[in-house]
Structures are given as C-alpha cells and as structure tokens.
Amino acid sequence: MIITWFFRVKYPALASLFCLTLFSHVYGLSSDFEQPIEIEADFAELDDEKGVTVYIGKVIVVQGSIVMTGDRLTARFTSERELEDAVLEGRLATFKQTPDLGGLDIEGEAEIVEMHAFENIFYLTGKAKVTQGKRLTQGHRISYDTERSLATVRASKGNGRGGKLDPGEGGRVRIIIPPKESVKPSLLEKD
C-alpha cells in the first residue's frame, strides 16, 4: 500500500517536518526535501480523533535519497494537526541517506528511532549505530538535538558478558574516527 496522498493532501507539513528534523544533521542531498514522500506498509490506520497514524508491516519510507525501514511507524499530531512525534520500530529500524558533496552514504539502525518535533530531538535506542564509510558511532542510545547540534551516545546500565563489552548489548559506547586519508605524491610528479 503506497500512502503518498497522506502527506500531500491530509498532512503536508508532516513530510517536511519529519524528515527535516530527523535527518537535517546528516547534510543529506538538499533536493531530498523537495521530493515526494512515499510510505509502503502492509497496513495503515488513521485516527483523526486521536491524532494518530500507524503503519504496520514491512514499513518503507522513501524521500529522495532517504530510505527508512521498520516494522511499525507511529505518528502523533496535535489538535492543530502539527506533527508532535514519530516513532519507527523494528527488529532493527534502519535509515540511509546520501549526503551532498558526493560523500559516502550515512546509514543508521536501532530497535527504535524516535523524533520529537517540539523538542527538536531524536533518539536511536537499542543496538543504536550510525556509520558513514569507516566512521562509526555505536551504543545503546544515541540522541541528537537538532537545535543545538548536540549528539550524546550512551551505554545502557548493563554489563558486558565475560569481561567483554558489547556496545549493542549494553556495554560501552564505541566511536571509530578513521585517520584522514593522505594523498601520496605520484612518482611521475616533478618538484
């Protein structure tokens, strides 16, 4: 079931607000937010009275280079039909976006991806991981405040097993910052 009409006709502000707030930090293609949003799922339910829309079953959200997948997407709206929050859940909910300037794709995953519009914050919780090429940020919970450009990565309170800490299972935070690739001079170049 493709639900593009939902964003264009019923809640046009949801499209730009959800994706802009959730992914503005990754410097994705500037044209992404000018593209239509398509949502596919096995089931969709819109409850105007409660201001809640739920998509269930192999949920896929696409807008330009942005692709998000999960098992369930729940969006809540105020009485003025402004997006309040959105939650994407899955065995691992995922997102992928191509940045401007020809950089490597940014990919992320977590059991739960939450976006809170009025607080300008989103959370990746449970086996949270964000990668771009060889760069890695991993922990139990990653939060990003889009207004202050502040990222926080947390490990859960649990310990790793057998002295070995696993960031995805409650161990420590893991961040990999690869060295800057240097350009080696060609043997054919003259001084």
Protein backbone atom coordinates (compact mmCIF):
# COMPACT_ATOMS: atom_id res chain seq x y z
CA MET A 1 0.00 0.00 0.00
CA ILE A 2 1.59 3.33 -1.04
CA ILE A 3 0.41 6.29 1.01
CA THR A 4 1.85 9.35 -0.77
CA TRP A 5 -1.50 11.13 -0.78
CA PHE A 6 -1.49 11.19 3.02
CA PHE A 7 1.37 13.67 3.19
CA ARG A 8 0.37 15.77 0.20
CA VAL A 9 -3.34 16.09 0.97
CA LYS A 10 -4.05 15.30 4.61
CA TYR A 11 -0.88 16.39 6.47
CA PRO A 12 1.53 18.15 4.09
CA ALA A 13 3.61 19.57 6.95
CA LEU A 14 4.38 16.08 8.26
CA ALA A 15 6.59 15.23 5.32
CA SER A 16 8.99 18.11 5.58
CA LEU A 17 8.96 18.35 9.37
CA PHE A 18 9.55 14.64 9.98
CA CYS A 19 12.39 14.24 7.53
CA LEU A 20 13.92 17.67 8.05
CA THR A 21 14.03 17.29 11.81
CA LEU A 22 15.15 13.68 11.76
CA PHE A 23 17.85 13.96 9.14
CA SER A 24 18.96 17.60 8.93
CA HIS A 25 22.09 16.80 10.92
CA VAL A 26 23.48 14.47 8.30
CA TYR A 27 23.65 17.02 5.49
CA GLY A 28 21.73 14.90 3.04
CA LEU A 29 21.01 15.85 -0.51
CA SER A 30 19.45 19.28 -0.44
CA SER A 31 16.96 18.12 -3.06
CA ASP A 32 15.64 15.33 -0.77
CA PHE A 33 13.12 17.60 0.93
CA GLU A 34 11.74 18.77 -2.40
CA GLN A 35 10.84 15.18 -3.29
CA PRO A 36 7.52 13.47 -2.51
CA ILE A 37 7.41 11.05 0.42
CA GLU A 38 6.19 7.53 -0.24
CA ILE A 39 5.23 5.17 2.56
CA GLU A 40 4.60 1.50 1.96
CA ALA A 41 3.25 -0.87 4.59
CA ASP A 42 1.06 -3.93 4.91
CA PHE A 43 -1.48 -1.93 6.96
CA ALA A 44 -2.22 1.73 7.67
CA GLU A 45 -4.70 3.28 10.12
CA LEU A 46 -5.50 6.98 10.50
CA ASP A 47 -7.36 8.05 13.65
CA ASP A 48 -8.29 11.74 13.19
CA GLU A 49 -9.96 11.93 16.59
CA LYS A 50 -6.85 10.79 18.49
CA GLY A 51 -4.43 12.39 16.04
CA VAL A 52 -2.52 9.14 15.49
CA THR A 53 -1.48 7.41 12.30
CA VAL A 54 0.00 3.90 12.41
CA TYR A 55 1.71 1.93 9.64
CA ILE A 56 2.43 -1.76 10.31
CA GLY A 57 4.31 -4.47 8.45
CA LYS A 58 7.44 -4.03 6.35
CA VAL A 59 7.23 -0.23 6.55
CA ILE A 60 9.32 1.59 3.95
CA VAL A 61 9.59 5.39 3.85
CA VAL A 62 11.34 6.98 0.84
CA GLN A 63 12.01 10.64 0.09
CA GLY A 64 14.73 11.36 -2.46
CA SER A 65 17.89 9.61 -1.23
CA ILE A 66 16.39 8.97 2.24
CA VAL A 67 15.21 5.41 2.84
CA MET A 68 13.85 4.27 6.22
CA THR A 69 12.58 0.81 7.08
CA GLY A 70 10.95 -0.74 10.10
CA ASP A 71 8.15 -2.95 11.32
CA ARG A 72 5.93 -0.14 12.64
CA LEU A 73 5.69 3.64 12.22
CA THR A 74 3.51 5.67 14.60
CA ALA A 75 3.00 9.41 14.09
CA ARG A 76 1.14 11.59 16.63
CA PHE A 77 -0.34 15.01 15.84
CA THR A 78 -1.58 17.95 17.89
CA SER A 79 -5.20 19.11 17.59
CA GLU A 80 -3.90 21.65 15.03
CA ARG A 81 -2.56 18.70 13.01
CA GLU A 82 1.08 19.54 13.60
CA LEU A 83 3.45 16.60 13.98
CA GLU A 84 4.19 16.05 17.67
CA ASP A 85 6.32 12.92 17.49
CA ALA A 86 7.04 9.92 15.29
CA VAL A 87 8.38 6.52 16.29
CA LEU A 88 9.80 3.93 13.88
CA GLU A 89 10.27 0.49 15.44
CA GLY A 90 11.70 -2.76 14.14
CA ARG A 91 13.84 -5.76 14.82
CA LEU A 92 16.21 -3.07 13.64
CA ALA A 93 14.68 0.06 12.16
CA THR A 94 17.06 1.50 9.57
CA PHE A 95 17.76 4.68 7.67
CA LYS A 96 20.09 5.57 4.84
CA GLN A 97 20.78 8.92 3.20
CA THR A 98 23.18 10.20 0.55
CA PRO A 99 24.88 13.45 1.60
CA ASP A 100 25.59 16.44 -0.63
CA LEU A 101 29.12 16.88 -1.93
CA GLY A 102 29.41 13.26 -3.08
CA GLY A 103 30.19 11.85 0.36
CA LEU A 104 29.62 8.29 1.46
CA ASP A 105 26.08 7.28 2.43
CA ILE A 106 25.10 7.73 6.06
CA GLU A 107 23.43 4.65 7.49
CA GLY A 108 21.87 4.04 10.87
CA GLU A 109 19.94 1.42 12.74
CA ALA A 110 18.30 0.88 16.11
CA GLU A 111 15.41 -1.02 17.60
CA ILE A 112 13.55 2.30 17.99
CA VAL A 113 14.02 5.60 16.15
CA GLU A 114 12.06 8.45 17.79
CA MET A 115 11.59 12.04 16.65
CA HIS A 116 10.08 14.69 18.93
CA ALA A 117 9.22 17.74 16.83
CA PHE A 118 8.67 20.36 19.53
CA GLU A 119 11.84 19.41 21.41
CA ASN A 120 13.90 19.28 18.17
CA ILE A 121 15.42 15.99 19.26
CA PHE A 122 15.55 12.43 18.07
CA TYR A 123 16.71 9.19 19.66
CA LEU A 124 18.05 5.91 18.34
CA THR A 125 17.55 3.37 21.12
CA GLY A 126 18.57 -0.29 21.41
CA LYS A 127 21.57 -1.51 19.42
CA ALA A 128 21.95 2.02 18.04
CA LYS A 129 24.54 2.51 15.34
CA VAL A 130 25.35 5.24 12.79
CA THR A 131 28.03 4.77 10.13
CA GLN A 132 29.49 6.76 7.27
CA GLY A 133 32.21 4.85 5.48
CA LYS A 134 34.70 3.81 8.17
CA ARG A 135 33.24 6.21 10.75
CA LEU A 136 31.17 4.54 13.46
CA THR A 137 29.11 5.72 16.42
CA GLN A 138 27.58 2.90 18.44
CA GLY A 139 25.90 2.49 21.80
CA HIS A 140 22.65 1.60 23.45
CA ARG A 141 21.17 5.06 22.85
CA ILE A 142 22.16 7.90 20.54
CA SER A 143 20.36 11.23 20.90
CA TYR A 144 20.68 14.25 18.66
CA ASP A 145 19.43 17.75 19.46
CA THR A 146 19.00 19.41 16.06
CA GLU A 147 18.62 22.89 17.54
CA ARG A 148 21.89 22.81 19.47
CA SER A 149 23.71 20.34 17.13
CA LEU A 150 24.46 18.20 20.17
CA ALA A 151 24.89 14.44 19.96
CA THR A 152 25.02 12.18 23.01
CA VAL A 153 25.89 8.48 22.96
CA ARG A 154 25.12 6.31 25.97
CA ALA A 155 25.74 2.75 27.00
CA SER A 156 23.00 1.04 28.96
CA LYS A 157 23.39 0.21 32.63
CA GLY A 158 24.04 -3.48 31.94
CA ASN A 159 27.50 -5.04 31.84
CA GLY A 160 29.06 -6.99 29.03
CA ARG A 161 29.39 -10.76 29.40
CA GLY A 162 32.65 -12.44 30.37
CA GLY A 163 34.53 -9.17 30.69
CA LYS A 164 33.90 -8.37 27.04
CA LEU A 165 31.78 -5.31 26.44
CA ASP A 166 29.37 -5.26 23.52
CA PRO A 167 28.11 -1.75 22.67
CA GLY A 168 24.94 -3.09 21.09
CA GLU A 169 24.05 -5.14 24.14
CA GLY A 170 24.60 -2.66 26.94
CA GLY A 171 28.38 -2.44 27.06
CA ARG A 172 30.29 0.73 26.44
CA VAL A 173 29.98 3.42 23.82
CA ARG A 174 32.07 2.79 20.71
CA ILE A 175 33.23 5.50 18.32
CA ILE A 176 35.65 5.00 15.44
CA ILE A 177 37.22 8.04 13.81
CA PRO A 178 39.39 6.88 10.91
CA PRO A 179 42.58 8.74 10.09
CA LYS A 180 42.39 11.34 7.37
CA GLU A 181 43.43 9.73 4.13
CA SER A 182 46.56 11.38 2.86
CA VAL A 183 47.23 11.89 -0.81
CA LYS A 184 50.54 10.31 -1.74
CA PRO A 185 52.52 12.15 -4.41
CA SER A 186 52.79 10.38 -7.70
CA LEU A 187 56.18 9.07 -8.77
CA LEU A 188 55.71 10.93 -12.04
CA GLU A 189 55.31 14.34 -10.42
CA LYS A 190 58.32 16.68 -10.52
CA ASP A 191 59.31 19.00 -7.72
